[in-house]
Amino acid sequence: RNRSVGYWQLARVLAVLGRGAEADEAAERSLRHADDQPAFYRAYAWEAKARAAAVAGDPQEARRCAERARALFPEIDDPAERDAIAADLATL
């Protein structure tokens, strides 16, 4: 779980810096480490993939990844967690 969060944070920083390819690499690692974690962590890994794709100039991939994140919303029981991810996705 901690590695998933750590790679998500790295992906976010790299995306803010405009380094889409590197952000995608970190997002992939986040996704791998989130695979057996609750939906909240998997959704955030997909959010990282979406953001990396947006920064890399691939809006179609960004939309696809954002939809993968949103598809996990029904599995996230905590409304505050769902709202947090939705708010981050809205900034794409």
C-alpha atoms as a PDB file:
ATOM      1  CA  ARG A   1       0.000   0.000   0.000  1.00  0.00           C
ATOM      2  CA  ASN A   2       2.740   2.453   0.933  1.00  0.00           C
ATOM      3  CA  ARG A   3       4.574   1.838  -2.338  1.00  0.00           C
ATOM      4  CA  SER A   4       1.401   2.459  -4.301  1.00  0.00           C
ATOM      5  CA  VAL A   5       0.926   5.797  -2.530  1.00  0.00           C
ATOM      6  CA  GLY A   6       4.607   6.687  -2.882  1.00  0.00           C
ATOM      7  CA  TYR A   7       4.624   6.058  -6.617  1.00  0.00           C
ATOM      8  CA  TRP A   8       1.343   7.976  -6.966  1.00  0.00           C
ATOM      9  CA  GLN A   9       2.974  10.949  -5.223  1.00  0.00           C
ATOM     10  CA  LEU A  10       6.015  10.695  -7.490  1.00  0.00           C
ATOM     11  CA  ALA A  11       3.774  10.520 -10.557  1.00  0.00           C
ATOM     12  CA  ARG A  12       1.915  13.627  -9.403  1.00  0.00           C
ATOM     13  CA  VAL A  13       5.127  15.609  -8.890  1.00  0.00           C
ATOM     14  CA  LEU A  14       6.478  14.532 -12.277  1.00  0.00           C
ATOM     15  CA  ALA A  15       3.170  15.489 -13.922  1.00  0.00           C
ATOM     16  CA  VAL A  16       3.286  18.938 -12.289  1.00  0.00           C
ATOM     17  CA  LEU A  17       6.808  19.307 -13.678  1.00  0.00           C
ATOM     18  CA  GLY A  18       5.516  18.442 -17.147  1.00  0.00           C
ATOM     19  CA  ARG A  19       7.424  15.162 -17.387  1.00  0.00           C
ATOM     20  CA  GLY A  20       4.651  12.986 -18.823  1.00  0.00           C
ATOM     21  CA  ALA A  21       6.668   9.893 -19.745  1.00  0.00           C
ATOM     22  CA  GLU A  22       8.320   9.705 -16.347  1.00  0.00           C
ATOM     23  CA  ALA A  23       4.985  10.391 -14.640  1.00  0.00           C
ATOM     24  CA  ASP A  24       3.490   7.492 -16.575  1.00  0.00           C
ATOM     25  CA  GLU A  25       6.295   5.196 -15.467  1.00  0.00           C
ATOM     26  CA  ALA A  26       5.689   6.092 -11.810  1.00  0.00           C
ATOM     27  CA  ALA A  27       1.924   5.719 -12.318  1.00  0.00           C
ATOM     28  CA  GLU A  28       2.463   2.225 -13.757  1.00  0.00           C
ATOM     29  CA  ARG A  29       4.411   1.302 -10.645  1.00  0.00           C
ATOM     30  CA  SER A  30       1.653   2.726  -8.475  1.00  0.00           C
ATOM     31  CA  LEU A  31      -0.866   0.627 -10.377  1.00  0.00           C
ATOM     32  CA  ARG A  32       1.209  -2.545  -9.952  1.00  0.00           C
ATOM     33  CA  HIS A  33       1.503  -2.011  -6.201  1.00  0.00           C
ATOM     34  CA  ALA A  34      -2.200  -1.151  -5.909  1.00  0.00           C
ATOM     35  CA  ASP A  35      -3.322  -4.332  -7.671  1.00  0.00           C
ATOM     36  CA  ASP A  36      -4.195  -6.195  -4.460  1.00  0.00           C
ATOM     37  CA  GLN A  37      -5.250  -3.099  -2.524  1.00  0.00           C
ATOM     38  CA  PRO A  38      -8.709  -1.611  -1.895  1.00  0.00           C
ATOM     39  CA  ALA A  39     -10.407   0.226  -4.752  1.00  0.00           C
ATOM     40  CA  PHE A  40      -9.392   3.639  -3.382  1.00  0.00           C
ATOM     41  CA  TYR A  41      -5.717   2.908  -4.086  1.00  0.00           C
ATOM     42  CA  ARG A  42      -6.415   1.390  -7.497  1.00  0.00           C
ATOM     43  CA  ALA A  43      -8.542   4.377  -8.476  1.00  0.00           C
ATOM     44  CA  TYR A  44      -5.796   6.800  -7.494  1.00  0.00           C
ATOM     45  CA  ALA A  45      -3.260   4.811  -9.506  1.00  0.00           C
ATOM     46  CA  TRP A  46      -5.550   5.166 -12.533  1.00  0.00           C
ATOM     47  CA  GLU A  47      -5.877   8.888 -11.782  1.00  0.00           C
ATOM     48  CA  ALA A  48      -2.073   9.091 -11.924  1.00  0.00           C
ATOM     49  CA  LYS A  49      -2.082   7.309 -15.297  1.00  0.00           C
ATOM     50  CA  ALA A  50      -4.735   9.723 -16.563  1.00  0.00           C
ATOM     51  CA  ARG A  51      -2.788  12.773 -15.413  1.00  0.00           C
ATOM     52  CA  ALA A  52       0.445  11.464 -16.951  1.00  0.00           C
ATOM     53  CA  ALA A  53      -1.327  10.890 -20.265  1.00  0.00           C
ATOM     54  CA  ALA A  54      -2.821  14.385 -20.174  1.00  0.00           C
ATOM     55  CA  VAL A  55       0.596  15.915 -19.532  1.00  0.00           C
ATOM     56  CA  ALA A  56       2.077  13.795 -22.334  1.00  0.00           C
ATOM     57  CA  GLY A  57      -0.519  15.208 -24.748  1.00  0.00           C
ATOM     58  CA  ASP A  58      -2.673  12.099 -25.119  1.00  0.00           C
ATOM     59  CA  PRO A  59      -6.213  13.195 -24.211  1.00  0.00           C
ATOM     60  CA  GLN A  60      -7.797   9.949 -25.421  1.00  0.00           C
ATOM     61  CA  GLU A  61      -5.617   7.870 -23.082  1.00  0.00           C
ATOM     62  CA  ALA A  62      -6.224  10.367 -20.277  1.00  0.00           C
ATOM     63  CA  ARG A  63      -9.995   9.918 -20.692  1.00  0.00           C
ATOM     64  CA  ARG A  64      -9.658   6.118 -20.824  1.00  0.00           C
ATOM     65  CA  CYS A  65      -7.622   6.028 -17.610  1.00  0.00           C
ATOM     66  CA  ALA A  66      -9.946   8.485 -15.866  1.00  0.00           C
ATOM     67  CA  GLU A  67     -12.882   6.239 -16.747  1.00  0.00           C
ATOM     68  CA  ARG A  68     -11.030   3.253 -15.273  1.00  0.00           C
ATOM     69  CA  ALA A  69     -10.670   5.258 -12.047  1.00  0.00           C
ATOM     70  CA  ARG A  70     -14.355   6.261 -12.049  1.00  0.00           C
ATOM     71  CA  ALA A  71     -15.410   2.658 -12.678  1.00  0.00           C
ATOM     72  CA  LEU A  72     -14.009   1.820  -9.238  1.00  0.00           C
ATOM     73  CA  PHE A  73     -16.172   4.404  -7.430  1.00  0.00           C
ATOM     74  CA  PRO A  74     -18.946   1.897  -6.535  1.00  0.00           C
ATOM     75  CA  GLU A  75     -16.341  -0.188  -4.676  1.00  0.00           C
ATOM     76  CA  ILE A  76     -15.203   2.773  -2.539  1.00  0.00           C
ATOM     77  CA  ASP A  77     -17.373   2.863   0.569  1.00  0.00           C
ATOM     78  CA  ASP A  78     -16.100   6.115   2.073  1.00  0.00           C
ATOM     79  CA  PRO A  79     -17.793   9.109   0.388  1.00  0.00           C
ATOM     80  CA  ALA A  80     -14.878  11.381   1.365  1.00  0.00           C
ATOM     81  CA  GLU A  81     -12.444   9.102  -0.464  1.00  0.00           C
ATOM     82  CA  ARG A  82     -14.702   9.026  -3.545  1.00  0.00           C
ATOM     83  CA  ASP A  83     -15.034  12.826  -3.438  1.00  0.00           C
ATOM     84  CA  ALA A  84     -11.256  13.274  -3.190  1.00  0.00           C
ATOM     85  CA  ILE A  85     -10.601  11.174  -6.269  1.00  0.00           C
ATOM     86  CA  ALA A  86     -13.462  12.805  -8.172  1.00  0.00           C
ATOM     87  CA  ALA A  87     -12.065  16.245  -7.341  1.00  0.00           C
ATOM     88  CA  ASP A  88      -8.609  15.279  -8.586  1.00  0.00           C
ATOM     89  CA  LEU A  89     -10.037  13.783 -11.769  1.00  0.00           C
ATOM     90  CA  ALA A  90     -11.970  17.005 -12.348  1.00  0.00           C
ATOM     91  CA  THR A  91      -8.675  18.899 -12.571  1.00  0.00           C
ATOM     92  CA  LEU A  92      -7.534  16.953 -15.637  1.00  0.00           C
END
